[in-house]
Protein backbone atom coordinates (compact mmCIF):
# COMPACT_ATOMS: atom_id res chain seq x y z
CA MET A 1 0.00 0.00 0.00
CA PRO A 2 2.70 2.60 0.81
CA GLY A 3 4.32 1.83 -2.53
CA ASP A 4 1.02 2.34 -4.33
CA ALA A 5 0.56 5.68 -2.58
CA ARG A 6 4.02 6.84 -3.63
CA ASP A 7 3.31 5.79 -7.23
CA SER A 8 0.03 7.71 -7.18
CA ASP A 9 1.73 10.81 -5.85
CA ARG A 10 4.42 10.56 -8.51
CA ILE A 11 1.86 10.16 -11.30
CA LEU A 12 -0.12 13.15 -10.03
CA ALA A 13 3.04 15.26 -9.80
CA GLU A 14 4.03 14.35 -13.36
CA ALA A 15 0.51 15.13 -14.57
CA ARG A 16 0.67 18.56 -12.92
CA ARG A 17 4.01 19.28 -14.57
CA SER A 18 2.64 18.19 -17.94
CA LEU A 19 -0.39 20.45 -17.50
CA VAL A 20 1.80 23.43 -16.67
CA THR A 21 3.95 22.71 -19.70
CA GLN A 22 0.95 22.51 -22.02
CA ARG A 23 -0.51 25.72 -20.67
CA ALA A 24 2.81 27.42 -21.35
CA GLY A 25 2.67 26.32 -24.98
CA GLY A 26 4.40 22.97 -24.65
CA ARG A 27 8.01 22.16 -23.90
CA ARG A 28 8.68 21.11 -27.49
CA VAL A 29 8.36 24.71 -28.70
CA ALA A 30 10.54 26.01 -25.87
CA THR A 31 13.22 23.48 -26.69
CA ARG A 32 13.52 24.66 -30.28
CA ALA A 33 13.91 28.32 -29.37
CA SER A 34 17.25 29.85 -28.48
CA ILE A 35 17.56 31.12 -24.94
CA GLY A 36 20.04 33.83 -25.92
CA ARG A 37 21.41 35.83 -28.82
CA ARG A 38 24.81 34.21 -28.65
CA SER A 39 23.49 30.68 -29.00
CA ALA A 40 21.22 31.87 -31.82
CA GLN A 41 24.23 33.43 -33.54
CA LEU A 42 26.19 30.18 -33.27
CA LYS A 43 23.26 28.33 -34.86
CA ARG A 44 23.03 30.84 -37.70
CA GLU A 45 26.75 30.59 -38.38
CA HIS A 46 26.53 26.79 -38.47
CA LEU A 47 23.54 26.88 -40.82
CA LEU A 48 25.27 29.39 -43.09
CA ALA A 49 28.35 27.17 -43.28
CA ARG A 50 26.18 24.19 -44.30
CA LEU A 51 24.40 26.31 -46.89
CA LYS A 52 27.71 27.43 -48.41
CA ARG A 53 28.93 23.82 -48.63
CA ALA A 54 25.67 22.74 -50.27
CA LEU A 55 25.79 25.55 -52.85
CA PHE A 56 29.43 24.80 -53.64
CA ALA A 57 28.63 21.12 -54.14
CA ILE A 58 25.65 21.89 -56.39
CA ALA A 59 27.80 24.27 -58.43
CA ALA A 60 30.42 21.53 -58.77
CA VAL A 61 27.75 19.12 -60.08
CA VAL A 62 26.59 21.72 -62.61
CA VAL A 63 30.14 22.39 -63.82
CA ALA A 64 30.86 18.65 -64.05
CA THR A 65 27.64 18.11 -66.03
CA MET A 66 28.50 20.89 -68.45
CA GLY A 67 32.02 19.52 -68.86
CA ALA A 68 30.70 16.02 -69.52
CA GLY A 69 28.26 17.42 -72.08
CA LEU A 70 31.05 19.16 -73.96
CA VAL A 71 33.34 16.14 -73.94
CA LEU A 72 30.63 13.63 -74.87
CA ASN A 73 28.82 15.99 -77.20
CA GLY A 74 25.72 15.90 -75.01
CA ILE A 75 24.59 13.72 -72.11
CA GLY A 76 21.00 13.20 -73.13
CA LEU A 77 17.83 13.44 -71.10
CA GLY A 78 18.83 10.55 -68.87
CA GLY A 79 22.18 12.13 -68.04
CA LEU A 80 20.50 15.44 -67.28
CA PHE A 81 18.04 13.70 -64.98
CA LEU A 82 20.86 11.97 -63.11
CA ALA A 83 22.73 15.26 -62.75
CA VAL A 84 19.68 17.02 -61.30
CA LEU A 85 19.05 14.09 -58.97
CA ALA A 86 22.68 14.12 -57.82
CA ALA A 87 22.53 17.88 -57.16
CA VAL A 88 19.32 17.53 -55.14
CA VAL A 89 20.60 14.60 -53.08
CA ILE A 90 24.02 16.13 -52.39
CA GLY A 91 22.53 19.53 -51.57
CA GLY A 92 19.95 17.97 -49.23
CA VAL A 93 22.55 15.91 -47.39
CA LEU A 94 24.93 18.84 -46.95
CA LEU A 95 22.09 21.08 -45.74
CA SER A 96 21.16 18.52 -43.08
CA TYR A 97 24.60 17.37 -41.97
CA PRO A 98 26.77 17.64 -40.04
CA ARG A 99 24.60 18.35 -37.04
CA MET A 100 25.71 21.16 -34.80
CA ALA A 101 27.96 19.79 -32.08
CA VAL A 102 27.13 20.90 -28.55
CA PRO A 103 30.17 20.99 -26.22
CA ASP A 104 30.31 18.54 -23.34
CA ARG A 105 29.81 19.98 -19.88
CA GLU A 106 33.51 19.53 -19.11
CA GLN A 107 34.42 21.71 -22.11
CA LEU A 108 32.15 24.64 -21.28
CA ALA A 109 34.68 26.49 -19.12
CA GLN A 110 37.33 26.38 -21.86
CA GLY A 111 38.08 29.07 -24.40
CA SER A 112 37.31 32.78 -24.35
CA LEU A 113 34.64 34.31 -22.16
CA ARG A 114 32.59 35.01 -25.29
CA ALA A 115 32.79 31.32 -26.25
CA ILE A 116 31.89 30.24 -22.71
CA VAL A 117 28.70 32.33 -22.73
CA GLY A 118 27.58 31.08 -26.16
CA ASN A 119 28.45 27.43 -25.52
CA THR A 120 26.76 27.44 -22.11
CA GLU A 121 23.58 28.82 -23.71
CA LEU A 122 23.70 26.05 -26.31
CA TRP A 123 24.27 23.40 -23.66
CA LEU A 124 21.42 24.68 -21.48
CA GLU A 125 19.05 24.49 -24.46
CA THR A 126 19.75 20.76 -24.78
CA GLN A 127 18.95 20.25 -21.09
CA ARG A 128 15.59 22.02 -21.03
CA PRO A 129 13.46 18.97 -21.95
CA ALA A 130 14.58 17.26 -18.72
CA LEU A 131 13.79 20.23 -16.45
CA PRO A 132 10.55 21.06 -14.62
CA ALA A 133 8.53 24.00 -15.95
CA PRO A 134 9.65 26.55 -13.29
CA ALA A 135 13.29 25.69 -13.98
CA VAL A 136 12.73 26.04 -17.74
CA ARG A 137 11.47 29.57 -17.22
CA LEU A 138 14.52 30.38 -15.12
CA VAL A 139 16.85 28.91 -17.77
CA ASP A 140 15.23 31.15 -20.38
CA GLN A 141 15.71 34.12 -18.05
CA ILE A 142 19.34 33.17 -17.46
CA GLY A 143 19.86 33.08 -21.23
CA VAL A 144 18.84 36.73 -21.48
CA GLN A 145 21.07 37.57 -18.52
CA LEU A 146 24.03 35.77 -20.09
CA ASP A 147 23.65 37.94 -23.19
CA ALA A 148 23.79 41.07 -21.04
CA LEU A 149 26.78 39.70 -19.15
CA GLY A 150 28.49 38.82 -22.43
CA LEU A 151 28.23 42.42 -23.62
CA GLN A 152 29.97 43.63 -20.48
CA LEU A 153 32.66 40.95 -20.80
CA ASP A 154 33.34 42.05 -24.39
CA ARG A 155 33.92 45.56 -23.09
CA ILE A 156 36.27 44.77 -20.20
CA GLY A 157 38.36 42.09 -21.93
CA GLN A 158 39.63 38.71 -20.75
CA ASP A 159 42.20 39.55 -18.09
CA GLN A 160 40.34 41.91 -15.76
CA PRO A 161 39.92 41.10 -12.04
CA GLY A 162 36.91 38.90 -11.40
CA THR A 163 36.80 37.21 -14.80
CA ALA A 164 38.03 33.92 -13.30
CA GLU A 165 35.03 33.88 -10.95
CA ILE A 166 32.71 34.65 -13.87
CA ARG A 167 34.27 31.83 -15.89
CA LYS A 168 33.64 29.43 -12.98
CA LEU A 169 30.07 30.64 -12.38
CA VAL A 170 28.98 30.39 -16.03
CA GLY A 171 31.14 27.53 -17.26
CA GLU A 172 31.22 25.29 -14.17
CA ASP A 173 28.73 26.08 -11.40
CA LEU A 174 25.65 26.60 -13.60
CA PRO A 175 26.18 23.53 -15.84
CA GLY A 176 27.24 21.47 -12.82
CA LEU A 177 23.97 22.24 -11.03
CA VAL A 178 21.84 21.23 -14.03
CA SER A 179 23.95 18.13 -14.69
CA THR A 180 23.59 16.98 -11.08
CA TYR A 181 19.81 17.32 -11.33
CA THR A 182 19.54 15.42 -14.62
CA SER A 183 21.60 12.57 -13.15
CA ILE A 184 18.73 11.89 -10.70
CA PRO A 185 16.26 9.28 -12.02
CA ALA A 186 13.16 11.02 -13.38
CA HIS A 187 10.74 9.23 -11.05
CA LEU A 188 12.64 10.49 -7.99
CA ARG A 189 12.82 14.17 -8.91
CA ALA A 190 9.38 15.04 -7.49
CA GLU A 191 9.78 13.05 -4.25
CA PRO A 192 10.46 15.00 -1.03
CA ARG A 193 13.84 14.35 0.52
CA ALA A 194 14.96 14.47 4.14
CA GLY A 195 14.79 18.26 4.24
CA GLY A 196 11.23 18.32 2.93
CA SER A 197 11.99 19.76 -0.52
CA THR A 198 12.04 17.83 -3.79
CA PRO A 199 14.93 17.82 -6.29
CA ASP A 200 12.65 19.84 -8.58
CA GLN A 201 12.29 22.52 -5.93
CA ALA A 202 15.99 22.45 -5.03
CA LEU A 203 16.94 22.93 -8.68
CA THR A 204 14.54 25.85 -9.13
CA GLU A 205 15.76 27.57 -5.97
CA SER A 206 19.42 27.14 -6.94
CA LEU A 207 18.80 28.42 -10.47
CA GLY A 208 17.13 31.45 -8.93
CA ARG A 209 20.22 32.14 -6.84
CA ILE A 210 22.50 31.77 -9.87
CA SER A 211 20.23 34.10 -11.84
CA GLY A 212 20.53 36.68 -9.07
CA GLU A 213 24.31 36.31 -9.01
CA ILE A 214 24.62 36.78 -12.79
CA ASP A 215 22.47 39.89 -12.56
CA SER A 216 24.60 41.22 -9.71
CA VAL A 217 27.85 40.63 -11.61
CA THR A 218 26.45 42.32 -14.72
CA ARG A 219 25.40 45.37 -12.69
CA GLN A 220 28.83 45.59 -11.10
CA LEU A 221 30.55 45.48 -14.49
CA ALA A 222 28.18 48.12 -15.85
CA SER A 223 28.57 50.47 -12.88
CA GLY A 224 31.64 52.15 -14.40
CA PRO A 225 29.99 53.19 -17.70
CA ILE A 226 26.80 54.18 -15.84
CA ASP A 227 28.76 56.49 -13.53
CA ALA A 228 30.73 57.87 -16.47
CA LEU A 229 27.48 58.60 -18.33
CA ALA A 230 26.06 60.43 -15.31
CA ILE A 231 29.20 62.58 -15.04
CA LYS A 232 29.08 63.34 -18.75
CA ALA A 233 25.41 64.29 -18.52
CA ARG A 234 26.10 66.67 -15.63
CA TYR A 235 29.00 68.22 -17.54
CA LEU A 236 26.89 68.77 -20.64
CA ASP A 237 24.10 70.25 -18.55
CA TYR A 238 26.57 72.62 -16.88
CA LYS A 239 28.21 73.58 -20.18
CA TYR A 240 25.18 73.91 -22.43
CA GLY A 241 22.12 73.91 -20.23
CA GLY A 242 22.41 77.53 -19.08
CA ALA A 243 23.20 78.76 -22.57
CA LEU A 244 20.15 77.03 -23.97
CA GLU A 245 17.94 78.52 -21.27
CA ASP A 246 19.33 82.02 -22.01
CA GLN A 247 18.63 81.63 -25.71
CA SER A 248 15.10 80.38 -25.11
CA GLY A 249 14.39 83.36 -22.80
CA ASP A 250 15.97 86.04 -25.04
CA PRO A 251 13.22 88.21 -26.64
CA ALA A 252 15.46 88.85 -29.66
CA SER A 253 15.53 85.14 -30.37
CA GLY A 254 11.75 85.14 -30.97
């Protein structure tokens, strides 16, 4: 009987998660979308590279067909059909393959900070189908935050103080948290543990803390330009503000 009760609770919990997912538009749609601009850019670059290879191969088939026609004094309708078929097949294969390779979790912390942000976004997208709905929403939010963080990292460069901690947060801590969760058997993720919370809840809470930390780091990195902009605005107001007011109040100017 206790086992039957646990199974019933698990089934109900999975049904609730499925209902939330369907109300949100379904997890399948969320999985296809990019969570950030950098991962979307990597996908576009990969697709463009495949398109170039396919066009080059089709052009090679056309040139080879024309050359064969000149040498053989025509290839006939059958030869033309085979050439078109070859172009279609080769182009289709090269447009579909190779699939875009997603880095392993152990590789995410390697490379430049720009690469770490983009690769982590790609990796997180592949993990979304295994996550509960609240965690999926947080992952999507983190994707937007990683884009904002990436812009600040591009500005400050690779060797500034604090970049090692950012590298660890984005390339190690965040993927490590998600990987630990996905290593738990699916039927155990909604069961309360000794502390009273479920792995689903623990994951969501931890992702929320990481989201807050990424936002805090981004704000710290942006504080310099924000302060500089405020100083510049005060300077311009001091230099030109009074002159503009004098001109607007001068009767001769009307």
